[in-house]
Amino acid sequence: NAPSRSTSAPAFRSLSTNARSFTPGVNNPAAAQQQQQQQQQHQQQPQPQQQPQQHSANAAPFYPGQQQQQQQQQHQNPQQHTHLHTTQQQHAHHTHQQQQINPYSTQQQQQQQEHASQASSLEETSPIPTSVPTPFVLPTPLYPHLQQTAHLLTRSLPPSSPHYKSIPPQYHTAYPLSISRESGSYGLPSSLYSTYTSAHPGPLVLRRFDTSPSPKICAAVTSAFRPLRSPHIVPLHTAFVHNRALFFAHSYIPHARTLRERYVDDTHSLPEHALWSYLCQLLLAARAAHAAGLALRCVSTRSVLRTPDGRIRVGGMGIRDVLSFEDRRSLPSLQEADVRSIGLVCLSIGGRRDVSSAPGPEEAVKAGEAFQSLYSSELYQVVVDLAGGRVTAFQAVQALGHRMADEVASSHASADAADAALQKEYESGRSARVMMKLLMVLERSEVGVDERWSETGDRYVLKLFRDYAFHQSTQDGPSLDLGHVVQALNKLDAMDDEEVCLVG
């Protein structure tokens, strides 16, 4: 854990320095005295009469030239400008909360305060959470997230569970995600399991329908949708019939929730920038499918998944193509229906009313009124154009190029944060490998008089290095300086030229 790490080594001094920097001059008497003198001189000077500050859209700009730009945006779109100003106030309030961390509190209290201040901004914004840069330690919100992901990927039913009778024998480590005997989003009862199989390296979601179509139809749909790959589409791996039941195997996405569960049933807040992001991701999914000569046919609030990092994925690929194989609509009409469904999905989660599947006139009007009162006219017009089928997916992506640029910037920021987290795990892995090699070689008494394992020669030098790295002592007793251990192991792994005196 991070609180147990020593700050005496150079690699860990930055953490204590960053903690003190929240209150400048606290631990520096000269700086504190100089700051007090400056405050007294400032109080003696005559102060001009200040106008009461008004918290409105005409607040002071953040950089030169922004005030004119804000006034133009307010004149063109006052609703969107008010939302942006509210977001800026929330960001400033969040930054002020971070600056009030007490440097004299214990490390555990500091960690709790930093975790609480960061968790508030993770809901709809940060692609990958970050915190104070500390070597070898993952960001505070990310580590429990990965722990929970590992739990979701390893949970399973006992081998004697009767649920295993409902799935084919080649699938194992199954866990029920949803078992419904009522007609779901596809018009038939279905069961959902997270499973593994030797034919695929990763976790899968196995969906079962109590119907038996032709195996040729399943093979044709599988061959058509399996090559389709997009970061915003849940891949279909196979569709088959077993014991008069239809099965679909898709990739398993941990922590995913449907848009209906999050924004219609639970009514979580949805900022406009997040809704723009969802709209762009759905359009990119439709563009990928349409470019491959396919149609999604599964865009609804019940089948579109959202993960905590803000990623949107369209699930249920190929299911309607098998269940509604007799539907002889042309491909252009199916692709037009995809674009309409994207507009209705955005209208549903923005207006807090599910109108994505067979909406009634009254529900659609109420959802539109609620949407128009919460979001800008630009976003409302784009959603109306999509729901009306006035544009194709390619035209919409081209028209929203500036919004797509925001998605590219967000993706790059997410990749940078992931690289930083991976670098910390790489550094931890280096130390773990060196320690494992040392422990495998040293003190193998069970091999007897074998010279290759005896504590002579190079093995004795390694034993002395082990004592130098882990068994340091001070006047007060054993030293628990973790920074010294990490530094020694890293230098050994990197074959550093520094010479160390080892005493036996």
Foldseek 3Di string as FASTA:
>chain_A
DVLLADQPFPLNVVVLVVLVVLDPPPPPVVVVVVVVVVVVVVVPDDDDDDDDDDLDLQDDDPDPPVNVVSVVCCVVWVQVSRLVSVVVVVVVVLVVQLSPQDSPDRPVVSLVSQVVSQVVPLQQDALAGAGDDHFLDGHPVRVVVVVVVVVVQQAADPPPDPVCVVDDPQKDRKDWDDFDCAQDPLGFGKTWIWTDGPVDDAIKIKIKGQAADDQVLQVVLQVLQQVQDDQAAFGWNGWGADPRMTMTITGDDPQKDFLCVPQQVVNDDDRPLLLLVLLLSLLVSLVSQVVSVHAQLQQFSHQWIAHSSSHIHGYDGSVCCRVVVVPPDDSVVRQLLSLLLSLQRSLCSQLSHGCSPPRDPVSSVSSLVSNPVNDIPVVSVLSVCSNVSVDGSVVSCVVVVVSVVVVVVSVVVSVVSVVSSVSSVVLVVLLVVLVVVLVVQADPPVVPPPPSRDCDDPNVVSVLLVCVQQADADPVGTDPNVSSNSVSSVCVSVVPPDDDDGDD
